[in-house]
């Protein structure tokens, strides 16, 4: 956990530390849970027009109706920013504006019937995802890690958990990770900017974190992040202008290009590792060194158990197949994945 210098260490060793780092495991597992949850809400439960930013509004209003000013204060944002975000949730049909019973001239926000169903379905998915994680590692470790994550979130005022007498207040990995992952990414950016990288932006993390030793392919990065190729290409262009990346012809396909780090980019990776060590030290002051080490071990086991980003750091057909399988499973859901597997194993049955 102690800070150390990565100067004069070859890029391969730096990249290995980068992959086996606490913050990387936290962000990778969080992204997997978020993407899986959003996919399940859409495909299994029929919720459309969803955005990850809706989550705090659905959670807070699940406790009870609130005025806009109260929501803004809890979220730690301006009333104007809160109102703009709330309008999007209202437009999607998940919350409504209603008369305030304490003041007939005022309005408050409340969950619509659709929002109530979204919250209920979300809690089901959270419980199911935590159960799936417990199949990879022991359930007691999931509970221990969830408790640690919740303590960190509460100390940093990131938690929007309902009151403790509510059954949904139980600490869960899926419920605690997303908000903390947002904070982690922002804090890492702040710490790394201070090390001589003032041009860094939050959205750069979508690309920088998914470039491996053999470079990063725009289509693959877009698939993992579940965004368009155009969006990833635009970020890549910005990073090129800042001197962190360059484009080269893909040795495996001359029609494609790969994004690779420049020397300046390798320095950025080394500095980000040091920033990650500093962030770990901050978390250790909240939950203690021993608890942080247990949390680190759990997130690492989940990261590799879920085979996250395997196609980024590993090369070869097996890695490509693993990445493709992971992407298809997210998009098709459990039943669709089983149908695809049957089709691949017995194509003649489907041809009849």
Foldseek 3Di string as FASTA:
>chain_A
DDFDAPPPPDLVVLQVCLCLFLLLLLLLVLLLLVLLLVLCCCPVVNQPLDDPVCVLVLLQLVQHKAALVVSCVLVVHDSVVSVVVVVSCVVSPQKDWDADPVDRVGIIIHGDPVSVVSVVVSLVSQVVVQVVLCVLPPNVLQLLLLVLLVLLCVVVSQDSAHDPVDPSNRRGSNRRRPSVSVVSLVQLQVQLCVVPPVPDDSVLCLQLSQAAPLAAFLVLSCLSSVHDSVVSVVSLVVCVVVQQWDWDQRPVDNVGIGIDGDPVNSVSSSSSSSSSVVVLVVSCVRVHDVSSVSSSVSSSSSCVSLCGSVCRHDDDDVSVVSSVLSSCCSNLPDVRSVVVVCCVVCVVVVVD
